[in-house]
């Protein structure tokens, strides 16, 4: 399990780097819709996922150890596969134009596509050791690294601000919601149910509307 978790962390880290460069070079002029309906949809998705995780937590006999992903290797591998599928969606969702022929299809696309970036932010908080990175010693080398990262980030942002703002909004929204609304011991379960519910909705919408 630890090897799989490390692999997921590496995938998330490299996906974050790839996302920055793709936003700067390949996705110029494209952006995600910033609509109130998208916000409500993502909030409902996280609320439903949190309810499922909380009910599982209450039904567990051992509240400290009996986590969903610890029960079965198959479940954890299935969870990992959903994360990889979401990362593929993050890389492809703005690369190709999705053709819609009616208003219902367009509304479904505008609701579901931002969820790939939203869940990417959820996974970043769930798996990456963000707190450890914040506690790095403030020596000269770390300051130089931080300055280089900030400088490169500014250059990337100035290259394509509209796309980067729309993507960063949904990634940050997922990260903030998970960080402030759920304790650390429930985050993996919330992430699991969020992916599961979103993927089911995605498949249902694909079969019914296309």
N, C-alpha and C. Protein backbone atom coordinates (compact mmCIF):
# COMPACT_ATOMS: atom_id res chain seq x y z
N UNK A 1 0.82 -1.21 0.00
CA UNK A 1 0.00 0.00 0.00
C UNK A 1 0.86 1.27 0.00
N UNK A 2 1.95 1.22 0.75
CA UNK A 2 2.81 2.40 0.83
C UNK A 2 3.44 2.72 -0.52
N UNK A 3 3.79 1.69 -1.28
CA UNK A 3 4.36 1.93 -2.61
C UNK A 3 3.33 2.57 -3.53
N UNK A 4 2.08 2.13 -3.41
CA UNK A 4 1.02 2.71 -4.24
C UNK A 4 0.79 4.17 -3.87
N UNK A 5 0.80 4.46 -2.57
CA UNK A 5 0.61 5.84 -2.11
C UNK A 5 1.74 6.73 -2.60
N UNK A 6 2.98 6.23 -2.55
CA UNK A 6 4.11 7.01 -3.06
C UNK A 6 3.98 7.25 -4.56
N UNK A 7 3.50 6.25 -5.27
CA UNK A 7 3.31 6.41 -6.71
C UNK A 7 2.24 7.46 -7.01
N UNK A 8 1.16 7.45 -6.21
CA UNK A 8 0.10 8.44 -6.38
C UNK A 8 0.64 9.84 -6.11
N UNK A 9 1.47 9.97 -5.08
CA UNK A 9 2.05 11.28 -4.77
C UNK A 9 2.91 11.79 -5.92
N UNK A 10 3.71 10.90 -6.51
CA UNK A 10 4.55 11.30 -7.64
C UNK A 10 3.69 11.70 -8.84
N UNK A 11 2.64 10.94 -9.10
CA UNK A 11 1.75 11.27 -10.20
C UNK A 11 1.09 12.63 -10.00
N UNK A 12 0.64 12.91 -8.79
CA UNK A 12 0.00 14.18 -8.50
C UNK A 12 1.00 15.33 -8.65
N UNK A 13 2.22 15.13 -8.19
CA UNK A 13 3.23 16.18 -8.29
C UNK A 13 3.58 16.49 -9.74
N UNK A 14 3.81 15.44 -10.53
CA UNK A 14 4.15 15.66 -11.94
C UNK A 14 2.95 16.18 -12.73
N UNK A 15 1.74 15.77 -12.32
CA UNK A 15 0.54 16.31 -12.98
C UNK A 15 0.40 17.80 -12.71
N UNK A 16 0.77 18.23 -11.52
CA UNK A 16 0.71 19.65 -11.19
C UNK A 16 1.69 20.45 -12.05
N UNK A 17 2.89 19.90 -12.25
CA UNK A 17 3.88 20.57 -13.11
C UNK A 17 3.40 20.60 -14.56
N UNK A 18 2.89 19.46 -15.04
CA UNK A 18 2.40 19.40 -16.41
C UNK A 18 1.25 20.35 -16.63
N UNK A 19 0.38 20.46 -15.62
CA UNK A 19 -0.77 21.36 -15.73
C UNK A 19 -0.32 22.81 -15.89
N UNK A 20 0.72 23.18 -15.17
CA UNK A 20 1.22 24.56 -15.26
C UNK A 20 1.76 24.86 -16.66
N UNK A 21 2.53 23.93 -17.23
CA UNK A 21 3.12 24.16 -18.55
C UNK A 21 2.07 24.07 -19.65
N UNK A 22 1.12 23.16 -19.52
CA UNK A 22 0.06 23.06 -20.53
C UNK A 22 -0.81 24.32 -20.52
N UNK A 23 -1.06 24.85 -19.34
CA UNK A 23 -1.85 26.08 -19.24
C UNK A 23 -1.14 27.24 -19.91
N UNK A 24 0.18 27.20 -19.86
CA UNK A 24 0.97 28.30 -20.43
C UNK A 24 1.15 28.17 -21.94
N UNK A 25 1.32 26.93 -22.41
CA UNK A 25 1.73 26.73 -23.81
C UNK A 25 0.58 26.29 -24.71
N UNK A 26 -0.17 25.26 -24.27
CA UNK A 26 -1.12 24.60 -25.18
C UNK A 26 -2.55 25.09 -25.03
N UNK A 27 -2.93 25.62 -23.87
CA UNK A 27 -4.34 25.93 -23.63
C UNK A 27 -4.62 27.43 -23.67
N UNK A 28 -3.88 28.14 -24.45
CA UNK A 28 -4.07 29.59 -24.54
C UNK A 28 -5.45 29.92 -25.12
N UNK A 29 -6.17 30.75 -24.40
CA UNK A 29 -7.49 31.18 -24.87
C UNK A 29 -8.64 30.34 -24.39
N UNK A 30 -8.37 29.18 -23.77
CA UNK A 30 -9.45 28.33 -23.25
C UNK A 30 -9.55 28.51 -21.75
N UNK A 31 -10.74 28.32 -21.21
CA UNK A 31 -10.94 28.47 -19.78
C UNK A 31 -12.18 27.69 -19.35
N UNK A 32 -12.26 27.42 -18.06
CA UNK A 32 -13.42 26.75 -17.50
C UNK A 32 -14.48 27.77 -17.12
N UNK A 33 -15.73 27.34 -17.19
CA UNK A 33 -16.83 28.24 -16.85
C UNK A 33 -16.85 28.48 -15.34
N UNK A 34 -16.95 29.74 -14.96
CA UNK A 34 -17.06 30.10 -13.54
C UNK A 34 -18.51 30.50 -13.27
N UNK A 35 -19.32 29.50 -12.95
CA UNK A 35 -20.75 29.73 -12.75
C UNK A 35 -21.18 29.32 -11.36
N UNK A 36 -22.26 29.95 -10.89
CA UNK A 36 -22.78 29.64 -9.57
C UNK A 36 -23.30 28.21 -9.51
N UNK A 37 -23.85 27.72 -10.61
CA UNK A 37 -24.36 26.35 -10.64
C UNK A 37 -23.23 25.34 -10.45
N UNK A 38 -22.04 25.63 -11.00
CA UNK A 38 -20.89 24.75 -10.81
C UNK A 38 -20.48 24.69 -9.34
N UNK A 39 -20.51 25.84 -8.69
CA UNK A 39 -20.17 25.90 -7.27
C UNK A 39 -21.14 25.06 -6.45
N UNK A 40 -22.42 25.17 -6.71
CA UNK A 40 -23.42 24.39 -5.98
C UNK A 40 -23.28 22.90 -6.26
N UNK A 41 -22.99 22.56 -7.50
CA UNK A 41 -22.82 21.15 -7.86
C UNK A 41 -21.63 20.53 -7.11
N UNK A 42 -20.51 21.24 -7.09
CA UNK A 42 -19.32 20.73 -6.41
C UNK A 42 -19.51 20.68 -4.90
N UNK A 43 -20.21 21.65 -4.37
CA UNK A 43 -20.50 21.65 -2.94
C UNK A 43 -21.41 20.47 -2.58
N UNK A 44 -22.41 20.21 -3.42
CA UNK A 44 -23.30 19.08 -3.19
C UNK A 44 -22.54 17.76 -3.32
N UNK A 45 -21.62 17.68 -4.28
CA UNK A 45 -20.81 16.48 -4.46
C UNK A 45 -19.97 16.19 -3.22
N UNK A 46 -19.33 17.23 -2.70
CA UNK A 46 -18.50 17.04 -1.52
C UNK A 46 -19.36 16.78 -0.29
N UNK A 47 -20.53 17.41 -0.19
CA UNK A 47 -21.41 17.17 0.94
C UNK A 47 -21.93 15.74 0.96
N UNK A 48 -22.32 15.22 -0.21
CA UNK A 48 -22.79 13.84 -0.29
C UNK A 48 -21.66 12.86 0.01
N UNK A 49 -20.47 13.15 -0.49
CA UNK A 49 -19.32 12.29 -0.21
C UNK A 49 -18.96 12.31 1.27
N UNK A 50 -19.02 13.50 1.87
CA UNK A 50 -18.75 13.60 3.30
C UNK A 50 -19.77 12.85 4.13
N UNK A 51 -21.03 12.87 3.71
CA UNK A 51 -22.07 12.13 4.43
C UNK A 51 -21.82 10.63 4.36
N UNK A 52 -21.42 10.14 3.18
CA UNK A 52 -21.11 8.71 3.03
C UNK A 52 -19.90 8.32 3.90
N UNK A 53 -18.88 9.16 3.90
CA UNK A 53 -17.69 8.88 4.70
C UNK A 53 -18.01 8.91 6.19
N UNK A 54 -18.85 9.85 6.61
CA UNK A 54 -19.21 9.96 8.02
C UNK A 54 -20.06 8.77 8.46
N UNK A 55 -20.99 8.33 7.61
CA UNK A 55 -21.80 7.16 7.95
C UNK A 55 -20.95 5.91 8.05
N UNK A 56 -19.96 5.79 7.15
CA UNK A 56 -19.04 4.66 7.24
C UNK A 56 -18.22 4.73 8.51
N UNK A 57 -17.82 5.91 8.90
CA UNK A 57 -17.03 6.11 10.12
C UNK A 57 -17.83 5.69 11.35
N UNK A 58 -19.12 6.07 11.39
CA UNK A 58 -19.95 5.72 12.53
C UNK A 58 -20.28 4.24 12.58
N UNK A 59 -20.35 3.60 11.41
CA UNK A 59 -20.69 2.17 11.37
C UNK A 59 -19.49 1.27 11.63
N UNK A 60 -18.28 1.84 11.64
CA UNK A 60 -17.08 1.04 11.86
C UNK A 60 -16.96 0.64 13.31
N UNK A 61 -16.53 -0.59 13.52
CA UNK A 61 -16.36 -1.07 14.89
C UNK A 61 -15.12 -0.47 15.53
N UNK A 62 -14.05 -0.40 14.77
CA UNK A 62 -12.82 0.21 15.25
C UNK A 62 -12.69 1.57 14.59
N UNK A 63 -13.06 2.64 15.29
CA UNK A 63 -13.12 3.97 14.70
C UNK A 63 -11.76 4.51 14.32
N UNK A 64 -10.70 3.95 14.89
CA UNK A 64 -9.37 4.48 14.62
C UNK A 64 -8.71 3.77 13.43
N UNK A 65 -9.00 2.49 13.25
CA UNK A 65 -8.26 1.73 12.25
C UNK A 65 -9.11 1.23 11.09
N UNK A 66 -10.40 1.10 11.30
CA UNK A 66 -11.25 0.47 10.28
C UNK A 66 -11.63 1.49 9.21
N UNK A 67 -10.68 1.81 8.34
CA UNK A 67 -10.95 2.72 7.24
C UNK A 67 -11.36 1.93 6.00
N UNK A 68 -12.06 2.59 5.12
CA UNK A 68 -12.56 1.92 3.92
C UNK A 68 -11.44 1.36 3.08
N UNK A 69 -10.39 2.13 2.85
CA UNK A 69 -9.32 1.70 1.96
C UNK A 69 -8.43 0.65 2.61
N UNK A 70 -8.53 0.45 3.94
CA UNK A 70 -7.74 -0.57 4.61
C UNK A 70 -8.42 -1.93 4.62
N UNK A 71 -9.68 -1.99 4.25
CA UNK A 71 -10.41 -3.24 4.31
C UNK A 71 -10.02 -4.20 3.20
N UNK A 72 -9.73 -3.70 2.03
CA UNK A 72 -9.47 -4.55 0.88
C UNK A 72 -8.45 -3.89 -0.04
N UNK A 73 -7.52 -4.72 -0.52
CA UNK A 73 -6.55 -4.23 -1.49
C UNK A 73 -7.23 -3.85 -2.80
N UNK A 74 -8.28 -4.59 -3.15
CA UNK A 74 -9.01 -4.30 -4.38
C UNK A 74 -9.63 -2.90 -4.33
N UNK A 75 -10.23 -2.55 -3.18
CA UNK A 75 -10.86 -1.23 -3.05
C UNK A 75 -9.81 -0.12 -3.19
N UNK A 76 -8.65 -0.32 -2.58
CA UNK A 76 -7.63 0.71 -2.67
C UNK A 76 -7.09 0.82 -4.10
N UNK A 77 -6.93 -0.31 -4.79
CA UNK A 77 -6.48 -0.26 -6.18
C UNK A 77 -7.54 0.38 -7.08
N UNK A 78 -8.80 0.11 -6.78
CA UNK A 78 -9.89 0.75 -7.52
C UNK A 78 -9.89 2.26 -7.28
N UNK A 79 -9.64 2.65 -6.04
CA UNK A 79 -9.52 4.07 -5.70
C UNK A 79 -8.36 4.70 -6.44
N UNK A 80 -7.22 4.01 -6.49
CA UNK A 80 -6.06 4.52 -7.20
C UNK A 80 -6.35 4.68 -8.69
N UNK A 81 -7.10 3.72 -9.25
CA UNK A 81 -7.44 3.79 -10.66
C UNK A 81 -8.32 5.01 -10.95
N UNK A 82 -9.26 5.31 -10.05
CA UNK A 82 -10.11 6.49 -10.23
C UNK A 82 -9.29 7.77 -10.18
N UNK A 83 -8.27 7.80 -9.33
CA UNK A 83 -7.40 8.97 -9.27
C UNK A 83 -6.62 9.15 -10.58
N UNK A 84 -6.11 8.04 -11.12
CA UNK A 84 -5.38 8.09 -12.39
C UNK A 84 -6.30 8.55 -13.52
N UNK A 85 -7.53 8.05 -13.54
CA UNK A 85 -8.50 8.46 -14.56
C UNK A 85 -8.77 9.96 -14.45
N UNK A 86 -8.88 10.46 -13.21
CA UNK A 86 -9.11 11.89 -13.02
C UNK A 86 -7.92 12.71 -13.51
N UNK A 87 -6.71 12.21 -13.27
CA UNK A 87 -5.52 12.91 -13.75
C UNK A 87 -5.48 12.94 -15.27
N UNK A 88 -5.89 11.84 -15.90
CA UNK A 88 -5.97 11.83 -17.37
C UNK A 88 -7.00 12.86 -17.84
N UNK A 89 -8.11 12.96 -17.12
CA UNK A 89 -9.12 13.95 -17.47
C UNK A 89 -8.61 15.36 -17.32
N UNK A 90 -7.82 15.61 -16.27
CA UNK A 90 -7.23 16.93 -16.07
C UNK A 90 -6.34 17.31 -17.25
N UNK A 91 -5.61 16.32 -17.78
CA UNK A 91 -4.71 16.61 -18.88
C UNK A 91 -5.40 16.74 -20.22
N UNK A 92 -6.60 16.14 -20.35
CA UNK A 92 -7.27 16.12 -21.65
C UNK A 92 -8.47 17.03 -21.75
N UNK A 93 -9.02 17.47 -20.61
CA UNK A 93 -10.31 18.15 -20.63
C UNK A 93 -10.27 19.47 -21.41
N UNK A 94 -9.14 20.15 -21.40
CA UNK A 94 -9.03 21.41 -22.14
C UNK A 94 -8.25 21.25 -23.44
N UNK A 95 -7.76 20.04 -23.71
CA UNK A 95 -7.00 19.81 -24.94
C UNK A 95 -7.90 19.64 -26.15
N UNK A 96 -9.05 19.00 -25.95
CA UNK A 96 -9.98 18.74 -27.05
C UNK A 96 -11.29 19.48 -26.82
N UNK A 97 -11.90 19.91 -27.89
CA UNK A 97 -13.19 20.58 -27.83
C UNK A 97 -14.31 19.54 -27.80
N UNK A 98 -15.18 19.63 -26.80
CA UNK A 98 -16.30 18.71 -26.68
C UNK A 98 -17.49 19.30 -27.42
N UNK A 99 -17.98 18.56 -28.39
CA UNK A 99 -19.08 19.03 -29.22
C UNK A 99 -20.41 18.76 -28.52
N UNK A 100 -21.22 19.79 -28.37
CA UNK A 100 -22.56 19.65 -27.80
C UNK A 100 -23.58 20.13 -28.82
N UNK A 101 -24.71 19.41 -28.88
CA UNK A 101 -25.72 19.73 -29.88
C UNK A 101 -26.98 20.33 -29.28
N UNK A 102 -27.09 20.34 -27.95
CA UNK A 102 -28.26 20.95 -27.32
C UNK A 102 -27.87 21.56 -25.99
N UNK A 103 -28.79 22.29 -25.40
CA UNK A 103 -28.51 23.00 -24.15
C UNK A 103 -28.29 22.06 -22.98
N UNK A 104 -28.95 20.90 -22.99
CA UNK A 104 -28.79 19.94 -21.90
C UNK A 104 -27.38 19.36 -21.88
N UNK A 105 -26.85 19.05 -23.04
CA UNK A 105 -25.48 18.56 -23.12
C UNK A 105 -24.49 19.64 -22.68
N UNK A 106 -24.74 20.86 -23.11
CA UNK A 106 -23.84 21.95 -22.73
C UNK A 106 -23.84 22.18 -21.22
N UNK A 107 -25.03 22.10 -20.60
CA UNK A 107 -25.12 22.28 -19.15
C UNK A 107 -24.40 21.16 -18.41
N UNK A 108 -24.52 19.92 -18.91
CA UNK A 108 -23.85 18.79 -18.29
C UNK A 108 -22.33 18.93 -18.37
N UNK A 109 -21.84 19.38 -19.53
CA UNK A 109 -20.40 19.57 -19.71
C UNK A 109 -19.88 20.65 -18.77
N UNK A 110 -20.60 21.75 -18.66
CA UNK A 110 -20.16 22.86 -17.80
C UNK A 110 -20.17 22.48 -16.33
N UNK A 111 -20.99 21.50 -15.95
CA UNK A 111 -21.02 21.06 -14.56
C UNK A 111 -19.94 20.03 -14.26
N UNK A 112 -19.73 19.09 -15.18
CA UNK A 112 -18.86 17.96 -14.90
C UNK A 112 -17.39 18.28 -15.14
N UNK A 113 -17.06 19.03 -16.17
CA UNK A 113 -15.65 19.27 -16.49
C UNK A 113 -14.87 19.94 -15.35
N UNK A 114 -15.42 20.97 -14.68
CA UNK A 114 -14.66 21.55 -13.56
C UNK A 114 -14.41 20.58 -12.42
N UNK A 115 -15.22 19.50 -12.32
CA UNK A 115 -15.04 18.55 -11.23
C UNK A 115 -13.71 17.81 -11.34
N UNK A 116 -13.13 17.69 -12.55
CA UNK A 116 -11.83 17.05 -12.68
C UNK A 116 -10.76 17.85 -11.94
N UNK A 117 -10.80 19.16 -12.08
CA UNK A 117 -9.83 20.01 -11.39
C UNK A 117 -10.17 20.14 -9.90
N UNK A 118 -11.45 20.15 -9.58
CA UNK A 118 -11.88 20.20 -8.19
C UNK A 118 -11.37 18.98 -7.43
N UNK A 119 -11.55 17.79 -8.00
CA UNK A 119 -11.08 16.56 -7.35
C UNK A 119 -9.56 16.47 -7.37
N UNK A 120 -8.93 17.10 -8.33
CA UNK A 120 -7.47 17.16 -8.33
C UNK A 120 -6.98 17.93 -7.10
N UNK A 121 -7.66 19.03 -6.77
CA UNK A 121 -7.32 19.77 -5.55
C UNK A 121 -7.59 18.95 -4.30
N UNK A 122 -8.68 18.18 -4.31
CA UNK A 122 -8.99 17.29 -3.18
C UNK A 122 -7.89 16.26 -2.99
N UNK A 123 -7.42 15.68 -4.09
CA UNK A 123 -6.37 14.66 -4.01
C UNK A 123 -5.03 15.25 -3.57
N UNK A 124 -4.75 16.48 -3.97
CA UNK A 124 -3.51 17.12 -3.54
C UNK A 124 -3.46 17.23 -2.02
N UNK A 125 -4.56 17.67 -1.42
CA UNK A 125 -4.61 17.80 0.03
C UNK A 125 -4.59 16.43 0.70
N UNK A 126 -5.21 15.44 0.07
CA UNK A 126 -5.31 14.11 0.67
C UNK A 126 -3.97 13.39 0.71
N UNK A 127 -3.17 13.52 -0.34
CA UNK A 127 -1.98 12.69 -0.46
C UNK A 127 -0.66 13.43 -0.29
N UNK A 128 -0.56 14.65 -0.79
CA UNK A 128 0.72 15.34 -0.72
C UNK A 128 0.98 15.88 0.69
N UNK A 129 2.21 15.72 1.19
CA UNK A 129 2.55 16.22 2.54
C UNK A 129 2.77 17.72 2.55
N UNK A 130 1.69 18.48 2.39
CA UNK A 130 1.82 19.94 2.26
C UNK A 130 2.37 20.59 3.52
N UNK A 131 1.98 20.05 4.69
CA UNK A 131 2.44 20.65 5.95
C UNK A 131 3.95 20.47 6.13
N UNK A 132 4.47 19.34 5.66
CA UNK A 132 5.92 19.13 5.78
C UNK A 132 6.68 20.10 4.89
N UNK A 133 6.12 20.40 3.72
CA UNK A 133 6.77 21.37 2.84
C UNK A 133 6.77 22.76 3.45
N UNK A 134 5.74 23.07 4.21
CA UNK A 134 5.68 24.39 4.84
C UNK A 134 6.70 24.53 5.96
N UNK A 135 7.08 23.39 6.55
CA UNK A 135 7.99 23.42 7.69
C UNK A 135 9.46 23.31 7.30
N UNK A 136 9.77 23.48 6.03
CA UNK A 136 11.16 23.43 5.60
C UNK A 136 11.96 24.54 6.28
N UNK A 137 13.13 24.22 6.65
CA UNK A 137 13.97 25.21 7.33
C UNK A 137 14.27 26.37 6.39
N UNK A 138 14.25 27.54 6.95
CA UNK A 138 14.45 28.75 6.15
C UNK A 138 15.94 29.03 5.99
N UNK A 139 16.59 28.17 5.22
CA UNK A 139 18.00 28.42 4.92
C UNK A 139 18.14 29.09 3.57
N UNK A 140 19.36 29.40 3.17
CA UNK A 140 19.57 30.14 1.94
C UNK A 140 19.13 29.34 0.72
N UNK A 141 19.39 28.02 0.71
CA UNK A 141 19.02 27.22 -0.46
C UNK A 141 17.52 27.15 -0.64
N UNK A 142 16.77 26.96 0.47
CA UNK A 142 15.31 26.90 0.36
C UNK A 142 14.73 28.24 -0.08
N UNK A 143 15.35 29.33 0.35
CA UNK A 143 14.88 30.65 -0.09
C UNK A 143 15.09 30.82 -1.59
N UNK A 144 16.21 30.35 -2.09
CA UNK A 144 16.46 30.45 -3.53
C UNK A 144 15.47 29.61 -4.31
N UNK A 145 15.15 28.43 -3.80
CA UNK A 145 14.18 27.58 -4.47
C UNK A 145 12.81 28.24 -4.49
N UNK A 146 12.39 28.79 -3.35
CA UNK A 146 11.08 29.46 -3.28
C UNK A 146 11.03 30.67 -4.21
N UNK A 147 12.13 31.42 -4.26
CA UNK A 147 12.17 32.58 -5.16
C UNK A 147 12.07 32.14 -6.62
N UNK A 148 12.76 31.06 -6.97
CA UNK A 148 12.69 30.55 -8.35
C UNK A 148 11.29 30.09 -8.70
N UNK A 149 10.63 29.39 -7.76
CA UNK A 149 9.27 28.91 -7.99
C UNK A 149 8.31 30.08 -8.18
N UNK A 150 8.44 31.11 -7.34
CA UNK A 150 7.57 32.28 -7.44
C UNK A 150 7.80 33.01 -8.76
N UNK A 151 9.06 33.14 -9.16
CA UNK A 151 9.39 33.84 -10.41
C UNK A 151 8.83 33.09 -11.62
N UNK A 152 9.01 31.76 -11.64
CA UNK A 152 8.48 30.96 -12.75
C UNK A 152 6.95 31.01 -12.77
N UNK A 153 6.33 30.98 -11.58
CA UNK A 153 4.87 31.03 -11.50
C UNK A 153 4.33 32.34 -12.06
N UNK A 154 5.02 33.44 -11.77
CA UNK A 154 4.58 34.74 -12.29
C UNK A 154 4.69 34.77 -13.81
N UNK A 155 5.78 34.22 -14.35
CA UNK A 155 5.94 34.20 -15.81
C UNK A 155 4.86 33.35 -16.47
N UNK A 156 4.56 32.20 -15.87
CA UNK A 156 3.51 31.34 -16.42
C UNK A 156 2.16 32.04 -16.36
N UNK A 157 1.89 32.70 -15.24
CA UNK A 157 0.60 33.39 -15.08
C UNK A 157 0.44 34.51 -16.09
N UNK A 158 1.49 35.28 -16.32
CA UNK A 158 1.40 36.39 -17.27
C UNK A 158 1.24 35.88 -18.70
N UNK A 159 1.68 34.66 -18.96
CA UNK A 159 1.56 34.10 -20.31
C UNK A 159 0.11 33.78 -20.66
N UNK A 160 -0.68 33.31 -19.70
CA UNK A 160 -2.06 32.91 -19.98
C UNK A 160 -2.90 33.04 -18.71
N UNK A 161 -3.21 34.25 -18.27
CA UNK A 161 -3.86 34.45 -16.97
C UNK A 161 -5.29 33.92 -16.89
N UNK A 162 -6.06 34.00 -17.96
CA UNK A 162 -7.47 33.59 -17.90
C UNK A 162 -7.60 32.10 -17.64
N UNK A 163 -6.86 31.30 -18.40
CA UNK A 163 -6.92 29.85 -18.22
C UNK A 163 -6.42 29.45 -16.85
N UNK A 164 -5.30 30.03 -16.43
CA UNK A 164 -4.70 29.66 -15.15
C UNK A 164 -5.60 30.05 -13.98
N UNK A 165 -6.25 31.21 -14.06
CA UNK A 165 -7.15 31.62 -12.99
C UNK A 165 -8.34 30.68 -12.87
N UNK A 166 -8.92 30.28 -14.00
CA UNK A 166 -10.08 29.40 -13.95
C UNK A 166 -9.71 28.02 -13.41
N UNK A 167 -8.54 27.51 -13.80
CA UNK A 167 -8.09 26.21 -13.31
C UNK A 167 -7.73 26.29 -11.83
N UNK A 168 -6.98 27.33 -11.46
CA UNK A 168 -6.56 27.48 -10.06
C UNK A 168 -7.76 27.68 -9.14
N UNK A 169 -8.80 28.30 -9.64
CA UNK A 169 -10.00 28.52 -8.82
C UNK A 169 -10.61 27.19 -8.38
N UNK A 170 -10.77 26.26 -9.31
CA UNK A 170 -11.41 24.98 -8.97
C UNK A 170 -10.47 24.07 -8.18
N UNK A 171 -9.18 24.09 -8.50
CA UNK A 171 -8.22 23.31 -7.71
C UNK A 171 -8.17 23.83 -6.27
N UNK A 172 -8.09 25.16 -6.13
CA UNK A 172 -8.07 25.75 -4.79
C UNK A 172 -9.36 25.53 -4.04
N UNK A 173 -10.48 25.53 -4.77
CA UNK A 173 -11.77 25.30 -4.13
C UNK A 173 -11.83 23.90 -3.52
N UNK A 174 -11.39 22.90 -4.28
CA UNK A 174 -11.37 21.53 -3.76
C UNK A 174 -10.44 21.38 -2.58
N UNK A 175 -9.26 22.00 -2.67
CA UNK A 175 -8.29 21.91 -1.57
C UNK A 175 -8.81 22.60 -0.31
N UNK A 176 -9.40 23.78 -0.47
CA UNK A 176 -9.90 24.52 0.70
C UNK A 176 -11.10 23.82 1.33
N UNK A 177 -12.03 23.35 0.53
CA UNK A 177 -13.19 22.66 1.08
C UNK A 177 -12.78 21.45 1.89
N UNK A 178 -11.88 20.63 1.35
CA UNK A 178 -11.47 19.42 2.07
C UNK A 178 -10.68 19.77 3.33
N UNK A 179 -9.84 20.80 3.25
CA UNK A 179 -9.00 21.16 4.40
C UNK A 179 -9.81 21.70 5.57
N UNK A 180 -10.82 22.53 5.27
CA UNK A 180 -11.55 23.22 6.33
C UNK A 180 -12.82 22.50 6.78
N UNK A 181 -13.37 21.64 5.93
CA UNK A 181 -14.65 21.01 6.27
C UNK A 181 -14.53 19.61 6.85
N UNK A 182 -13.38 18.95 6.64
CA UNK A 182 -13.26 17.56 7.06
C UNK A 182 -11.96 17.32 7.82
N UNK A 183 -12.01 16.51 8.88
CA UNK A 183 -10.77 16.18 9.61
C UNK A 183 -9.88 15.27 8.78
N UNK A 184 -8.63 15.17 9.17
CA UNK A 184 -7.64 14.44 8.38
C UNK A 184 -7.97 12.97 8.25
N UNK A 185 -8.57 12.36 9.30
CA UNK A 185 -8.83 10.92 9.26
C UNK A 185 -10.00 10.55 8.34
N UNK A 186 -10.73 11.54 7.82
CA UNK A 186 -11.84 11.26 6.91
C UNK A 186 -11.53 11.67 5.46
N UNK A 187 -10.40 12.26 5.22
CA UNK A 187 -10.15 12.87 3.91
C UNK A 187 -10.03 11.83 2.80
N UNK A 188 -9.38 10.70 3.07
CA UNK A 188 -9.27 9.69 2.02
C UNK A 188 -10.63 9.10 1.67
N UNK A 189 -11.47 8.89 2.69
CA UNK A 189 -12.81 8.37 2.43
C UNK A 189 -13.65 9.38 1.64
N UNK A 190 -13.54 10.66 2.00
CA UNK A 190 -14.27 11.71 1.27
C UNK A 190 -13.79 11.76 -0.19
N UNK A 191 -12.48 11.67 -0.38
CA UNK A 191 -11.93 11.67 -1.74
C UNK A 191 -12.43 10.46 -2.52
N UNK A 192 -12.44 9.30 -1.88
CA UNK A 192 -12.90 8.08 -2.55
C UNK A 192 -14.35 8.21 -3.01
N UNK A 193 -15.23 8.62 -2.12
CA UNK A 193 -16.64 8.74 -2.48
C UNK A 193 -16.88 9.86 -3.49
N UNK A 194 -16.07 10.92 -3.43
CA UNK A 194 -16.21 12.00 -4.41
C UNK A 194 -15.91 11.50 -5.82
N UNK A 195 -14.81 10.75 -5.94
CA UNK A 195 -14.48 10.18 -7.25
C UNK A 195 -15.55 9.20 -7.71
N UNK A 196 -16.01 8.37 -6.79
CA UNK A 196 -16.99 7.35 -7.16
C UNK A 196 -18.30 7.98 -7.64
N UNK A 197 -18.80 8.95 -6.90
CA UNK A 197 -20.07 9.60 -7.26
C UNK A 197 -19.93 10.38 -8.56
N UNK A 198 -18.83 11.13 -8.72
CA UNK A 198 -18.62 11.89 -9.94
C UNK A 198 -18.50 10.98 -11.16
N UNK A 199 -17.77 9.86 -11.01
CA UNK A 199 -17.61 8.94 -12.14
C UNK A 199 -18.94 8.29 -12.53
N UNK A 200 -19.76 7.96 -11.54
CA UNK A 200 -21.08 7.40 -11.84
C UNK A 200 -21.93 8.43 -12.59
N UNK A 201 -21.92 9.67 -12.13
CA UNK A 201 -22.66 10.73 -12.82
C UNK A 201 -22.14 10.94 -14.23
N UNK A 202 -20.83 10.89 -14.40
CA UNK A 202 -20.22 11.07 -15.71
C UNK A 202 -20.67 9.98 -16.69
N UNK A 203 -20.65 8.73 -16.22
CA UNK A 203 -21.05 7.61 -17.08
C UNK A 203 -22.53 7.71 -17.42
N UNK A 204 -23.36 8.03 -16.42
CA UNK A 204 -24.80 8.14 -16.65
C UNK A 204 -25.12 9.25 -17.65
N UNK A 205 -24.48 10.41 -17.48
CA UNK A 205 -24.71 11.52 -18.41
C UNK A 205 -24.24 11.19 -19.81
N UNK A 206 -23.12 10.47 -19.91
CA UNK A 206 -22.61 10.10 -21.22
C UNK A 206 -23.59 9.19 -21.97
N UNK A 207 -24.14 8.19 -21.26
CA UNK A 207 -25.05 7.27 -21.91
C UNK A 207 -26.41 7.88 -22.21
N UNK A 208 -26.87 8.79 -21.35
CA UNK A 208 -28.20 9.36 -21.52
C UNK A 208 -28.24 10.54 -22.50
N UNK A 209 -27.15 11.31 -22.55
CA UNK A 209 -27.18 12.55 -23.33
C UNK A 209 -26.42 12.48 -24.64
N UNK A 210 -25.54 11.47 -24.81
CA UNK A 210 -24.78 11.40 -26.05
C UNK A 210 -25.07 10.09 -26.80
